Structures are given as structure tokens and as C-alpha cells.
Amino acid sequence: MSCLKVPNSKQCSASLVKRVSLPTRVAGQIAKPQMALRSVSDDIRRHRLGNVVAPRAAAQEATNDAAGDVPEPVVKIDNQSDSFATLVTVEYGDRLGELLDTTAALRNLGLNIRRAKLKTKNGMAIHKFFLTDARNSEKIVKSARIEEIRLTILNCLLQYHPESEGKLSMRNSVGSNEVDYEHPLGKAAAKIVTQIAVRDSETGMYTKLFVNTVDRPGLLTDIVRLLKDINLNVVSAEVDTVGRNAVDIFNVTYHGEPLPQGMKQLAVNTLQYYLGKGDVEKEWSESY
């Protein structure tokens, strides 16, 4: 060692200090490339995630900055048009993408998507899904399952298009605890008057019951339960959600026959009373 040639111990110790301090400087020089590698890996990870997140975020920013009003979401569930599958239609102006998250959520419900169609009308995208139960390959007929499908689609729409919340009556289903300090009692919504109508079908095999009321989670199952309470059988139904409106058509029978005049009036009065009662309670709770 070179320090052995120096008779002065102070010079030797100083030389050793220099030798010991060298690795710290070298380590400092090595740390910089590690930081550079870390930043490069972050860029790569952001680039990979950008393939999924960036288009969605860019689309959301573009729609938020676009002129014009937010389109009205439409979700239709039809059990009449197709003999072997439940037809689900989703519309939201020109803002819908491929709906990969929605299709994944539907599969998680135990549903098979037999086929899907995408149609553009006047620049607006219309998505159609033909669904069957994964267990028996039959169409979905139970009201609880249909309501589950409807809420799943609407929740996916709210998750990836939060601007649609003002057009829907789905606040309670999402479970958001955020407080709107500008509107602590909630924003005033357009009044939707409950309307019930009855008409005999063209075939004479059942009676069509038309319901137009304000939408809310669990509405479909409540209507079916009310109809069963007065001994009516729901043969099939078309469930449409148009913004805040629930526009439903129920094909019902009474002991296997179309409804007589007395049962028609009973069905109208029952739904008008209970659905109207919900509207009154909602107005009362929102006034305080």
C-alpha cells in the first residue's frame, strides 16, 4: 500500500480517509442511473396504463368541454322482441365506447351475451345485447334479475360517465357519501307525474299495463310485487329507463285470461296509489 511508504502517520490516515470516501462518491454516481431507470420504468408503466386510461380520460374531458347539453341516458330491457334472449339496449348520445366494462359486469352476473350489435343513428351509438342465463341458456324472466341487470348497467354508466348523474335518479344505488355544499338539500329535479294506462293486447291473450313514473332502484320488483298481491300474473315485460323516467310495459293476465274491467281499474288504482305515495314522500323529504 502506498501509505506504508509515508513515515508520517497523519498523512497515512488522511490517505485512508480519502480511500474510504471514494465509494461514497462512486455510490452517488451509481444512484443517478438508478433514479433514471426508475423514471424510465414509471414512463413505461404510465404508457401501458395510458392505453386503457388515457382514451377514457381524454374522451371524458372532450365531452365535458364540448358544447351542448348532456344527453339523456336510455336503458331498455325487452323480453318480447326475441324469442330466445332478453334484448338490452343502451344509448347515451355519442359518448359510449365499446362498453367493455359493462359487458364484463354482465358476465359477472352469470349472463351469457349471445350476440351484440352496434348501430349508429344520426351520429348516436345504439348498443344492443342479447342476454341469456348462463345456467340454463334461457332468457331472463324474473323481475329481480331484470332489475339487477338494469342497475348494473346504470351504475357502470355513472362510474365512467359521472356527468350523467344529473340525468338519472340513481344516487342511492351508487352509495356516494360526497356532500354538495352548494345544494345541501339536493338539486331540484323536473317533476315527473306518475301515469298508469291499460289496454288490451292485439292478440286478446293478455292485457298491456303501461307505467310511466320517476325511476328509482328497486322500482321494477316493487311493481311486480304489487301486481302479484292483487293476483295478477306478469307474462312478460319491457323495462325502459329514459333519464329520470321509468317507462315500463307489463303484459298481465288474471287467472290466465285478459283482465276484466274491474281488475283493470284495481290495477290502475293500486299502482297509482303506491307509486304516487312514493312521490309525495319524496317531495316531503326534499322540502326539509
Protein backbone atom coordinates (compact mmCIF):
# COMPACT_ATOMS: atom_id res chain seq x y z
CA MET A 1 0.00 0.00 0.00
CA SER A 2 1.18 3.49 -0.75
CA CYS A 3 0.54 4.66 2.79
CA LEU A 4 3.28 2.37 4.10
CA LYS A 5 5.86 4.43 2.23
CA VAL A 6 4.88 7.56 4.14
CA PRO A 7 6.53 7.72 7.57
CA ASN A 8 4.06 10.31 8.82
CA SER A 9 1.02 8.58 10.39
CA LYS A 10 -1.18 11.67 9.84
CA GLN A 11 -0.56 11.53 6.09
CA CYS A 12 -1.32 7.80 6.14
CA SER A 13 -4.58 8.28 7.99
CA ALA A 14 -5.55 11.10 5.61
CA SER A 15 -4.86 8.82 2.68
CA LEU A 16 -7.05 6.15 4.23
CA VAL A 17 -9.84 8.65 4.70
CA LYS A 18 -9.62 9.51 1.03
CA ARG A 19 -9.70 5.83 0.12
CA VAL A 20 -12.75 5.25 2.35
CA SER A 21 -14.60 8.27 0.99
CA LEU A 22 -14.23 7.15 -2.62
CA PRO A 23 -17.01 4.53 -2.52
CA THR A 24 -19.50 7.11 -1.27
CA ARG A 25 -18.79 9.29 -4.29
CA VAL A 26 -18.98 6.28 -6.57
CA ALA A 27 -22.21 5.23 -4.92
CA GLY A 28 -23.58 8.68 -5.56
CA GLN A 29 -22.66 8.36 -9.21
CA ILE A 30 -24.34 4.94 -9.40
CA ALA A 31 -27.53 6.21 -7.70
CA LYS A 32 -28.22 8.61 -10.54
CA PRO A 33 -28.62 5.89 -13.18
CA GLN A 34 -30.90 4.00 -10.75
CA MET A 35 -33.08 7.07 -10.45
CA ALA A 36 -33.05 7.37 -14.23
CA LEU A 37 -34.03 3.72 -14.59
CA ARG A 38 -36.84 4.22 -12.09
CA SER A 39 -38.16 7.19 -14.04
CA VAL A 40 -37.96 5.22 -17.28
CA SER A 41 -39.89 2.32 -15.74
CA ASP A 42 -42.51 4.78 -14.49
CA ASP A 43 -42.81 6.17 -18.00
CA ILE A 44 -43.23 2.67 -19.41
CA ARG A 45 -45.87 1.82 -16.81
CA ARG A 46 -47.73 5.06 -17.49
CA HIS A 47 -47.53 4.34 -21.21
CA ARG A 48 -49.03 0.88 -20.74
CA LEU A 49 -51.79 2.14 -18.49
CA GLY A 50 -52.33 5.03 -20.85
CA ASN A 51 -53.60 2.60 -23.47
CA VAL A 52 -56.54 1.92 -21.15
CA VAL A 53 -56.94 5.03 -19.03
CA ALA A 54 -55.87 7.82 -21.36
CA PRO A 55 -58.53 7.28 -24.05
CA ARG A 56 -61.25 7.17 -21.42
CA ALA A 57 -59.97 10.25 -19.64
CA ALA A 58 -59.46 12.08 -22.92
CA ALA A 59 -62.95 11.19 -24.05
CA GLN A 60 -64.38 12.39 -20.75
CA GLU A 61 -62.52 15.70 -20.96
CA ALA A 62 -63.62 16.14 -24.54
CA THR A 63 -67.24 15.54 -23.65
CA ASN A 64 -67.06 17.82 -20.63
CA ASP A 65 -65.62 20.60 -22.77
CA ALA A 66 -68.00 20.00 -25.67
CA ALA A 67 -70.77 22.46 -26.23
CA GLY A 68 -74.38 21.41 -25.70
CA ASP A 69 -76.31 19.60 -23.01
CA VAL A 70 -75.53 16.20 -21.55
CA PRO A 71 -77.51 13.56 -23.49
CA GLU A 72 -80.25 11.60 -21.78
CA PRO A 73 -79.22 8.01 -20.92
CA VAL A 74 -81.56 5.29 -22.16
CA VAL A 75 -81.55 1.65 -20.99
CA LYS A 76 -84.20 -0.69 -22.41
CA ILE A 77 -84.78 -4.30 -21.39
CA ASP A 78 -87.12 -6.13 -23.75
CA ASN A 79 -88.37 -9.70 -23.30
CA GLN A 80 -90.77 -9.65 -26.25
CA SER A 81 -88.79 -8.87 -29.40
CA ASP A 82 -86.62 -12.01 -29.31
CA SER A 83 -87.96 -15.48 -28.56
CA PHE A 84 -84.75 -16.88 -27.11
CA ALA A 85 -82.93 -13.98 -25.45
CA THR A 86 -83.51 -10.84 -23.41
CA LEU A 87 -82.73 -7.79 -25.51
CA VAL A 88 -80.91 -4.96 -23.72
CA THR A 89 -80.41 -1.61 -25.47
CA VAL A 90 -78.10 1.12 -24.15
CA GLU A 91 -77.97 4.66 -25.55
CA TYR A 92 -76.08 7.74 -24.38
CA GLY A 93 -75.64 10.09 -27.29
CA ASP A 94 -72.24 9.74 -28.96
CA ARG A 95 -70.32 9.24 -25.70
CA LEU A 96 -70.35 5.46 -25.35
CA GLY A 97 -67.26 3.46 -26.26
CA GLU A 98 -67.05 -0.30 -26.62
CA LEU A 99 -68.70 -0.86 -23.19
CA LEU A 100 -66.10 -3.45 -22.23
CA ASP A 101 -66.65 -2.76 -18.54
CA THR A 102 -70.40 -3.17 -18.93
CA THR A 103 -70.08 -6.49 -20.76
CA ALA A 104 -67.68 -7.75 -18.08
CA ALA A 105 -70.12 -6.70 -15.35
CA LEU A 106 -72.98 -8.52 -17.11
CA ARG A 107 -70.91 -11.70 -17.37
CA ASN A 108 -70.16 -11.43 -13.65
CA LEU A 109 -73.92 -11.61 -13.06
CA GLY A 110 -73.96 -15.08 -14.59
CA LEU A 111 -75.22 -13.99 -18.01
CA ASN A 112 -74.25 -15.08 -21.49
CA ILE A 113 -74.04 -12.46 -24.22
CA ARG A 114 -75.22 -14.47 -27.22
CA ARG A 115 -74.58 -11.62 -29.61
CA ALA A 116 -74.15 -7.87 -29.62
CA LYS A 117 -74.93 -5.18 -32.16
CA LEU A 118 -73.71 -1.62 -32.53
CA LYS A 119 -75.77 0.69 -34.69
CA THR A 120 -75.26 4.38 -35.36
CA LYS A 121 -78.30 6.55 -35.96
CA ASN A 122 -77.90 10.28 -36.58
CA GLY A 123 -74.42 10.11 -35.07
CA MET A 124 -75.72 8.43 -31.92
CA ALA A 125 -74.46 4.98 -30.90
CA ILE A 126 -77.04 2.31 -30.03
CA HIS A 127 -75.67 -0.80 -28.31
CA LYS A 128 -77.79 -3.96 -28.23
CA PHE A 129 -77.03 -7.07 -26.18
CA PHE A 130 -78.89 -10.39 -26.44
CA LEU A 131 -78.63 -11.99 -22.99
CA THR A 132 -79.42 -15.44 -21.62
CA ASP A 133 -78.96 -17.05 -18.24
CA ALA A 134 -75.61 -18.88 -18.10
CA ARG A 135 -77.16 -21.72 -16.06
CA ASN A 136 -79.95 -22.74 -18.45
CA SER A 137 -79.39 -20.61 -21.61
CA GLU A 138 -82.91 -19.18 -21.23
CA LYS A 139 -83.98 -15.56 -21.38
CA ILE A 140 -84.19 -13.59 -18.15
CA VAL A 141 -87.75 -13.57 -16.81
CA LYS A 142 -87.51 -12.94 -13.07
CA SER A 143 -88.10 -9.33 -12.10
CA ALA A 144 -85.29 -9.36 -9.53
CA ARG A 145 -82.76 -10.46 -12.17
CA ILE A 146 -84.01 -7.88 -14.67
CA GLU A 147 -83.70 -5.16 -12.03
CA GLU A 148 -80.17 -6.40 -11.24
CA ILE A 149 -79.22 -6.07 -14.91
CA ARG A 150 -80.70 -2.58 -15.13
CA LEU A 151 -78.93 -1.30 -12.03
CA THR A 152 -75.62 -2.85 -13.13
CA ILE A 153 -75.74 -1.03 -16.46
CA LEU A 154 -76.72 2.27 -14.87
CA ASN A 155 -74.00 2.01 -12.22
CA CYS A 156 -71.39 1.35 -14.92
CA LEU A 157 -72.69 4.38 -16.79
CA LEU A 158 -72.37 6.54 -13.68
CA GLN A 159 -68.89 5.23 -12.93
CA TYR A 160 -67.40 6.07 -16.32
CA HIS A 161 -69.69 8.98 -17.21
CA PRO A 162 -70.27 10.84 -13.92
CA GLU A 163 -71.78 13.76 -15.80
CA SER A 164 -74.86 11.59 -16.40
CA GLU A 165 -75.79 11.68 -12.70
CA GLY A 166 -77.88 14.79 -13.21
CA LYS A 167 -79.97 12.92 -15.78
CA LEU A 168 -80.64 9.84 -13.62
CA SER A 169 -82.41 9.02 -10.37
CA MET A 170 -79.71 6.62 -9.20
CA ARG A 171 -77.94 8.48 -6.37
CA ASN A 172 -78.96 5.95 -3.71
CA SER A 173 -77.74 2.95 -5.67
CA VAL A 174 -74.18 4.20 -6.00
CA GLY A 175 -73.70 4.83 -2.30
CA SER A 176 -71.84 8.11 -2.68
CA ASN A 177 -71.18 9.96 0.56
CA GLU A 178 -69.95 13.15 -1.08
CA VAL A 179 -71.66 16.33 0.10
CA ASP A 180 -72.72 19.01 -2.33
CA TYR A 181 -72.23 22.16 -0.28
CA GLU A 182 -73.83 24.36 -2.93
CA HIS A 183 -77.01 22.22 -2.86
CA PRO A 184 -77.12 20.56 0.60
CA LEU A 185 -80.76 19.53 0.12
CA GLY A 186 -80.20 18.24 -3.38
CA LYS A 187 -80.74 19.80 -6.77
CA ALA A 188 -84.31 20.40 -7.81
CA ALA A 189 -85.42 17.86 -10.42
CA ALA A 190 -88.09 18.17 -13.04
CA LYS A 191 -91.44 16.91 -11.76
CA ILE A 192 -92.47 13.54 -13.19
CA VAL A 193 -96.13 12.71 -12.71
CA THR A 194 -96.98 9.03 -12.38
CA GLN A 195 -99.18 7.85 -15.25
CA ILE A 196 -100.88 4.43 -15.49
CA ALA A 197 -102.77 3.17 -18.55
CA VAL A 198 -104.37 -0.16 -19.51
CA ARG A 199 -105.07 -1.57 -22.97
CA ASP A 200 -105.98 -4.98 -24.34
CA SER A 201 -103.36 -6.67 -26.50
CA GLU A 202 -103.83 -7.18 -30.23
CA THR A 203 -103.97 -10.97 -29.78
CA GLY A 204 -106.51 -10.83 -26.96
CA MET A 205 -104.39 -13.17 -24.83
CA TYR A 206 -103.32 -10.66 -22.18
CA THR A 207 -103.68 -7.04 -21.08
CA LYS A 208 -100.99 -4.40 -21.53
CA LEU A 209 -100.27 -2.27 -18.46
CA PHE A 210 -98.32 0.95 -19.14
CA VAL A 211 -96.43 2.63 -16.28
CA ASN A 212 -94.63 5.97 -16.54
CA THR A 213 -93.15 7.20 -13.27
CA VAL A 214 -89.97 8.54 -11.69
CA ASP A 215 -87.20 5.94 -11.69
CA ARG A 216 -85.53 4.60 -8.56
CA PRO A 217 -83.62 1.47 -7.53
CA GLY A 218 -85.92 -1.49 -6.88
CA LEU A 219 -88.87 0.00 -8.76
CA LEU A 220 -89.39 -3.00 -11.04
CA THR A 221 -89.52 -5.55 -8.25
CA ASP A 222 -91.93 -3.34 -6.28
CA ILE A 223 -94.32 -3.07 -9.23
CA VAL A 224 -94.28 -6.83 -9.85
CA ARG A 225 -94.89 -7.47 -6.14
CA LEU A 226 -97.88 -5.11 -6.14
CA LEU A 227 -99.36 -6.85 -9.17
CA LYS A 228 -98.92 -10.26 -7.57
CA ASP A 229 -100.63 -9.00 -4.42
CA ILE A 230 -103.83 -8.48 -6.44
CA ASN A 231 -103.48 -11.92 -8.12
CA LEU A 232 -102.17 -10.70 -11.47
CA ASN A 233 -99.59 -12.72 -13.39
CA VAL A 234 -96.87 -10.88 -15.32
CA VAL A 235 -96.37 -12.82 -18.57
CA SER A 236 -93.61 -10.57 -19.96
CA ALA A 237 -92.39 -7.02 -19.66
CA GLU A 238 -90.44 -4.28 -21.37
CA VAL A 239 -88.49 -2.13 -18.93
CA ASP A 240 -87.18 1.19 -20.22
CA THR A 241 -85.15 3.76 -18.32
CA VAL A 242 -85.14 7.11 -20.08
CA GLY A 243 -83.22 9.57 -17.93
CA ARG A 244 -85.21 10.00 -14.72
CA ASN A 245 -88.25 8.30 -16.20
CA ALA A 246 -89.18 4.65 -15.87
CA VAL A 247 -91.34 3.73 -18.86
CA ASP A 248 -92.46 0.11 -18.42
CA ILE A 249 -94.93 -2.15 -20.20
CA PHE A 250 -96.26 -5.23 -18.42
CA ASN A 251 -98.25 -7.96 -20.14
CA VAL A 252 -100.50 -9.32 -17.42
CA THR A 253 -103.28 -11.89 -17.05
CA TYR A 254 -105.89 -12.72 -14.42
CA HIS A 255 -106.28 -16.48 -13.98
CA GLY A 256 -104.83 -16.98 -17.44
CA GLU A 257 -107.20 -14.53 -19.13
CA PRO A 258 -107.07 -10.84 -20.04
CA LEU A 259 -108.13 -8.52 -17.24
CA PRO A 260 -111.84 -7.78 -16.88
CA GLN A 261 -112.87 -4.18 -16.43
CA GLY A 262 -112.96 -4.38 -12.64
CA MET A 263 -109.42 -5.81 -12.43
CA LYS A 264 -108.15 -3.18 -14.85
CA GLN A 265 -109.39 -0.44 -12.56
CA LEU A 266 -107.99 -2.21 -9.50
CA ALA A 267 -104.56 -2.48 -11.12
CA VAL A 268 -104.55 1.21 -12.08
CA ASN A 269 -105.71 2.33 -8.62
CA THR A 270 -103.17 0.11 -6.82
CA LEU A 271 -100.17 1.32 -8.81
CA GLN A 272 -101.35 4.93 -8.83
CA TYR A 273 -101.74 4.90 -5.05
CA TYR A 274 -98.44 3.28 -4.12
CA LEU A 275 -96.29 4.99 -6.78
CA GLY A 276 -97.99 8.32 -6.09
CA LYS A 277 -97.42 7.78 -2.38
CA GLY A 278 -93.71 7.44 -3.06
CA ASP A 279 -93.75 10.71 -4.98
CA VAL A 280 -95.43 12.51 -2.07
CA GLU A 281 -92.95 11.10 0.46
CA LYS A 282 -90.05 12.14 -1.78
CA GLU A 283 -91.39 15.69 -2.07
CA TRP A 284 -91.88 15.85 1.71
CA SER A 285 -88.35 14.63 2.46
CA GLU A 286 -86.81 17.03 -0.08
CA SER A 287 -88.64 20.03 1.38
CA TYR A 288 -86.68 19.79 4.65
